[in-house]
PDB file of N, CA and C in Angstrom:
ATOM      1  N   UNK A   1     101.510 136.193 144.050  1.00  0.00           N
ATOM      2  CA  UNK A   1     102.135 135.175 143.018  1.00  0.00           C
ATOM      3  C   UNK A   1     101.109 134.694 142.316  1.00  0.00           C
ATOM      4  N   UNK A   2     100.977 134.491 140.957  1.00  0.00           N
ATOM      5  CA  UNK A   2      99.802 133.452 139.870  1.00  0.00           C
ATOM      6  C   UNK A   2     100.074 132.064 140.331  1.00  0.00           C
ATOM      7  N   UNK A   3      99.307 131.449 140.417  1.00  0.00           N
ATOM      8  CA  UNK A   3      99.239 129.719 140.626  1.00  0.00           C
ATOM      9  C   UNK A   3     100.284 129.223 139.750  1.00  0.00           C
ATOM     10  N   UNK A   4     100.777 129.621 139.028  1.00  0.00           N
ATOM     11  CA  UNK A   4     101.724 128.923 137.939  1.00  0.00           C
ATOM     12  C   UNK A   4     102.881 128.655 138.708  1.00  0.00           C
ATOM     13  N   UNK A   5     103.870 129.847 140.012  1.00  0.00           N
ATOM     14  CA  UNK A   5     104.649 130.738 140.780  1.00  0.00           C
ATOM     15  C   UNK A   5     104.835 129.558 141.493  1.00  0.00           C
ATOM     16  N   UNK A   6     102.601 129.625 142.094  1.00  0.00           N
ATOM     17  CA  UNK A   6     102.806 128.965 143.485  1.00  0.00           C
ATOM     18  C   UNK A   6     103.386 127.390 143.031  1.00  0.00           C
ATOM     19  N   UNK A   7     102.994 126.751 142.361  1.00  0.00           N
ATOM     20  CA  UNK A   7     103.434 125.497 141.860  1.00  0.00           C
ATOM     21  C   UNK A   7     104.627 125.045 141.775  1.00  0.00           C
ATOM     22  N   UNK A   8     105.649 126.011 141.618  1.00  0.00           N
ATOM     23  CA  UNK A   8     106.799 126.082 141.088  1.00  0.00           C
ATOM     24  C   UNK A   8     108.046 126.182 142.881  1.00  0.00           C
ATOM     25  N   UNK A   9     106.844 126.775 143.788  1.00  0.00           N
ATOM     26  CA  UNK A   9     107.658 127.089 145.240  1.00  0.00           C
ATOM     27  C   UNK A   9     108.097 125.313 145.667  1.00  0.00           C
ATOM     28  N   UNK A  10     109.516 125.095 146.242  1.00  0.00           N
ATOM     29  CA  UNK A  10     109.840 124.365 147.167  1.00  0.00           C
ATOM     30  C   UNK A  10     109.529 124.695 148.495  1.00  0.00           C
ATOM     31  N   UNK A  11     110.320 123.717 149.347  1.00  0.00           N
ATOM     32  CA  UNK A  11     110.334 123.407 150.860  1.00  0.00           C
ATOM     33  C   UNK A  11     108.864 124.651 151.195  1.00  0.00           C
ATOM     34  N   UNK A  12     109.222 124.668 152.711  1.00  0.00           N
ATOM     35  CA  UNK A  12     107.736 125.362 153.133  1.00  0.00           C
ATOM     36  C   UNK A  12     107.688 123.973 154.030  1.00  0.00           C
ATOM     37  N   UNK A  13     106.350 124.370 154.998  1.00  0.00           N
ATOM     38  CA  UNK A  13     105.496 123.625 155.836  1.00  0.00           C
ATOM     39  C   UNK A  13     105.914 121.848 155.606  1.00  0.00           C
ATOM     40  N   UNK A  14     105.877 121.191 154.266  1.00  0.00           N
ATOM     41  CA  UNK A  14     105.516 119.869 153.641  1.00  0.00           C
ATOM     42  C   UNK A  14     107.154 119.312 153.443  1.00  0.00           C
ATOM     43  N   UNK A  15     108.092 120.394 154.628  1.00  0.00           N
ATOM     44  CA  UNK A  15     109.228 119.481 153.770  1.00  0.00           C
ATOM     45  C   UNK A  15     109.787 118.902 154.821  1.00  0.00           C
ATOM     46  N   UNK A  16     110.460 117.620 155.132  1.00  0.00           N
ATOM     47  CA  UNK A  16     110.855 116.721 156.314  1.00  0.00           C
ATOM     48  C   UNK A  16     112.398 117.528 156.242  1.00  0.00           C
ATOM     49  N   UNK A  17     112.994 118.170 157.430  1.00  0.00           N
ATOM     50  CA  UNK A  17     113.763 118.980 157.661  1.00  0.00           C
ATOM     51  C   UNK A  17     114.620 118.477 158.812  1.00  0.00           C
ATOM     52  N   UNK A  18     115.822 118.940 158.949  1.00  0.00           N
ATOM     53  CA  UNK A  18     117.034 119.061 160.408  1.00  0.00           C
ATOM     54  C   UNK A  18     115.649 119.466 161.368  1.00  0.00           C
ATOM     55  N   UNK A  19     114.379 120.595 161.617  1.00  0.00           N
ATOM     56  CA  UNK A  19     114.338 121.367 162.372  1.00  0.00           C
ATOM     57  C   UNK A  19     113.390 119.794 162.938  1.00  0.00           C
ATOM     58  N   UNK A  20     112.799 118.727 162.133  1.00  0.00           N
ATOM     59  CA  UNK A  20     111.185 118.672 162.389  1.00  0.00           C
ATOM     60  C   UNK A  20     112.055 116.844 163.106  1.00  0.00           C
ATOM     61  N   UNK A  21     113.261 116.991 162.284  1.00  0.00           N
ATOM     62  CA  UNK A  21     114.048 115.513 162.817  1.00  0.00           C
ATOM     63  C   UNK A  21     114.899 115.876 164.190  1.00  0.00           C
ATOM     64  N   UNK A  22     114.676 116.979 164.469  1.00  0.00           N
ATOM     65  CA  UNK A  22     114.980 117.478 166.195  1.00  0.00           C
ATOM     66  C   UNK A  22     114.426 117.259 167.154  1.00  0.00           C
ATOM     67  N   UNK A  23     113.251 118.147 166.685  1.00  0.00           N
ATOM     68  CA  UNK A  23     111.820 118.236 166.866  1.00  0.00           C
ATOM     69  C   UNK A  23     111.437 116.392 167.531  1.00  0.00           C
ATOM     70  N   UNK A  24     111.909 115.386 167.224  1.00  0.00           N
ATOM     71  CA  UNK A  24     111.339 114.375 166.702  1.00  0.00           C
ATOM     72  C   UNK A  24     112.237 113.412 167.793  1.00  0.00           C
ATOM     73  N   UNK A  25     113.653 113.557 167.605  1.00  0.00           N
ATOM     74  CA  UNK A  25     114.680 113.191 168.642  1.00  0.00           C
ATOM     75  C   UNK A  25     114.320 113.468 170.034  1.00  0.00           C
ATOM     76  N   UNK A  26     114.175 115.101 170.445  1.00  0.00           N
ATOM     77  CA  UNK A  26     113.848 115.697 171.269  1.00  0.00           C
ATOM     78  C   UNK A  26     112.342 115.040 172.567  1.00  0.00           C
ATOM     79  N   UNK A  27     111.739 114.661 171.081  1.00  0.00           N
ATOM     80  CA  UNK A  27     110.119 114.287 172.553  1.00  0.00           C
ATOM     81  C   UNK A  27     110.705 112.571 172.195  1.00  0.00           C
ATOM     82  N   UNK A  28     111.549 112.089 171.302  1.00  0.00           N
ATOM     83  CA  UNK A  28     111.769 110.402 172.177  1.00  0.00           C
ATOM     84  C   UNK A  28     112.594 110.887 173.588  1.00  0.00           C
ATOM     85  N   UNK A  29     113.611 111.852 173.352  1.00  0.00           N
ATOM     86  CA  UNK A  29     114.437 110.966 174.551  1.00  0.00           C
ATOM     87  C   UNK A  29     112.968 111.466 176.136  1.00  0.00           C
ATOM     88  N   UNK A  30     112.746 112.727 175.356  1.00  0.00           N
ATOM     89  CA  UNK A  30     111.686 112.942 177.186  1.00  0.00           C
ATOM     90  C   UNK A  30     110.616 112.374 177.268  1.00  0.00           C
ATOM     91  N   UNK A  31     110.482 111.032 176.200  1.00  0.00           N
ATOM     92  CA  UNK A  31     109.456 109.930 176.543  1.00  0.00           C
ATOM     93  C   UNK A  31     109.972 109.543 177.939  1.00  0.00           C
ATOM     94  N   UNK A  32     111.493 109.154 176.969  1.00  0.00           N
ATOM     95  CA  UNK A  32     112.633 108.203 177.977  1.00  0.00           C
ATOM     96  C   UNK A  32     112.636 108.283 178.890  1.00  0.00           C
ATOM     97  N   UNK A  33     112.867 109.697 179.017  1.00  0.00           N
ATOM     98  CA  UNK A  33     112.879 110.561 180.529  1.00  0.00           C
ATOM     99  C   UNK A  33     112.278 110.046 181.908  1.00  0.00           C
ATOM    100  N   UNK A  34     111.122 110.315 180.878  1.00  0.00           N
ATOM    101  CA  UNK A  34     109.654 110.237 181.640  1.00  0.00           C
ATOM    102  C   UNK A  34     109.556 109.144 182.301  1.00  0.00           C
ATOM    103  N   UNK A  35     109.506 108.002 181.261  1.00  0.00           N
ATOM    104  CA  UNK A  35     110.025 106.335 181.778  1.00  0.00           C
ATOM    105  C   UNK A  35     110.873 106.125 183.007  1.00  0.00           C
ATOM    106  N   UNK A  36     112.139 106.605 182.670  1.00  0.00           N
ATOM    107  CA  UNK A  36     113.165 106.631 183.591  1.00  0.00           C
ATOM    108  C   UNK A  36     113.049 106.743 184.902  1.00  0.00           C
ATOM    109  N   UNK A  37     111.844 107.441 185.263  1.00  0.00           N
ATOM    110  CA  UNK A  37     112.088 108.902 186.275  1.00  0.00           C
ATOM    111  C   UNK A  37     111.377 108.052 186.790  1.00  0.00           C
ATOM    112  N   UNK A  38     109.606 107.650 185.798  1.00  0.00           N
ATOM    113  CA  UNK A  38     109.001 106.617 186.818  1.00  0.00           C
ATOM    114  C   UNK A  38     109.661 105.613 186.929  1.00  0.00           C
ATOM    115  N   UNK A  39     110.357 104.741 186.223  1.00  0.00           N
ATOM    116  CA  UNK A  39     110.779 103.484 186.671  1.00  0.00           C
ATOM    117  C   UNK A  39     111.898 103.155 188.178  1.00  0.00           C
ATOM    118  N   UNK A  40     112.126 104.347 188.093  1.00  0.00           N
ATOM    119  CA  UNK A  40     113.123 104.635 189.633  1.00  0.00           C
ATOM    120  C   UNK A  40     112.522 105.107 190.777  1.00  0.00           C
ATOM    121  N   UNK A  41     111.383 105.962 190.617  1.00  0.00           N
ATOM    122  CA  UNK A  41     110.379 106.034 191.242  1.00  0.00           C
ATOM    123  C   UNK A  41     109.306 104.245 192.088  1.00  0.00           C
ATOM    124  N   UNK A  42     108.912 104.104 190.989  1.00  0.00           N
ATOM    125  CA  UNK A  42     108.682 102.552 191.308  1.00  0.00           C
ATOM    126  C   UNK A  42     109.749 101.625 192.334  1.00  0.00           C
ATOM    127  N   UNK A  43     110.907 101.246 191.864  1.00  0.00           N
ATOM    128  CA  UNK A  43     112.207 100.697 192.399  1.00  0.00           C
ATOM    129  C   UNK A  43     112.132 101.310 194.017  1.00  0.00           C
ATOM    130  N   UNK A  44     112.234 101.889 193.876  1.00  0.00           N
ATOM    131  CA  UNK A  44     112.083 102.895 195.343  1.00  0.00           C
ATOM    132  C   UNK A  44     111.184 103.211 195.847  1.00  0.00           C
ATOM    133  N   UNK A  45     110.140 102.788 195.558  1.00  0.00           N
ATOM    134  CA  UNK A  45     108.849 102.873 196.213  1.00  0.00           C
ATOM    135  C   UNK A  45     108.522 101.064 196.962  1.00  0.00           C
ATOM    136  N   UNK A  46     108.982 100.683 196.186  1.00  0.00           N
ATOM    137  CA  UNK A  46     108.580  98.977 196.545  1.00  0.00           C
ATOM    138  C   UNK A  46     109.921  97.902 196.917  1.00  0.00           C
ATOM    139  N   UNK A  47     111.327  98.837 196.865  1.00  0.00           N
ATOM    140  CA  UNK A  47     112.162  98.322 197.772  1.00  0.00           C
ATOM    141  C   UNK A  47     112.242  98.732 198.923  1.00  0.00           C
ATOM    142  N   UNK A  48     111.876 100.445 199.109  1.00  0.00           N
ATOM    143  CA  UNK A  48     111.772 100.894 200.273  1.00  0.00           C
ATOM    144  C   UNK A  48     112.599 102.117 200.540  1.00  0.00           C
ATOM    145  N   UNK A  49     113.676 101.810 199.491  1.00  0.00           N
ATOM    146  CA  UNK A  49     114.769 103.323 199.611  1.00  0.00           C
ATOM    147  C   UNK A  49     114.500 104.553 199.768  1.00  0.00           C
ATOM    148  N   UNK A  50     115.151 105.024 199.796  1.00  0.00           N
ATOM    149  CA  UNK A  50     115.212 106.463 199.880  1.00  0.00           C
ATOM    150  C   UNK A  50     116.551 107.325 199.064  1.00  0.00           C
ATOM    151  N   UNK A  51     116.201 108.375 199.120  1.00  0.00           N
ATOM    152  CA  UNK A  51     117.090 109.381 198.459  1.00  0.00           C
ATOM    153  C   UNK A  51     118.330 110.366 199.424  1.00  0.00           C
TER     154      UNK A  51
END
């Protein structure tokens, strides 16, 4: 492909697609799950309860 054809190409790595949104949502959910686990562990340690 020459430079003129490359300029007219749409999409590729710079587009903000559903794949990116899904990856961001999964990352946020993972961080929140880790926070819940740590919070539960700390609460159980300080209250002296066990599973």
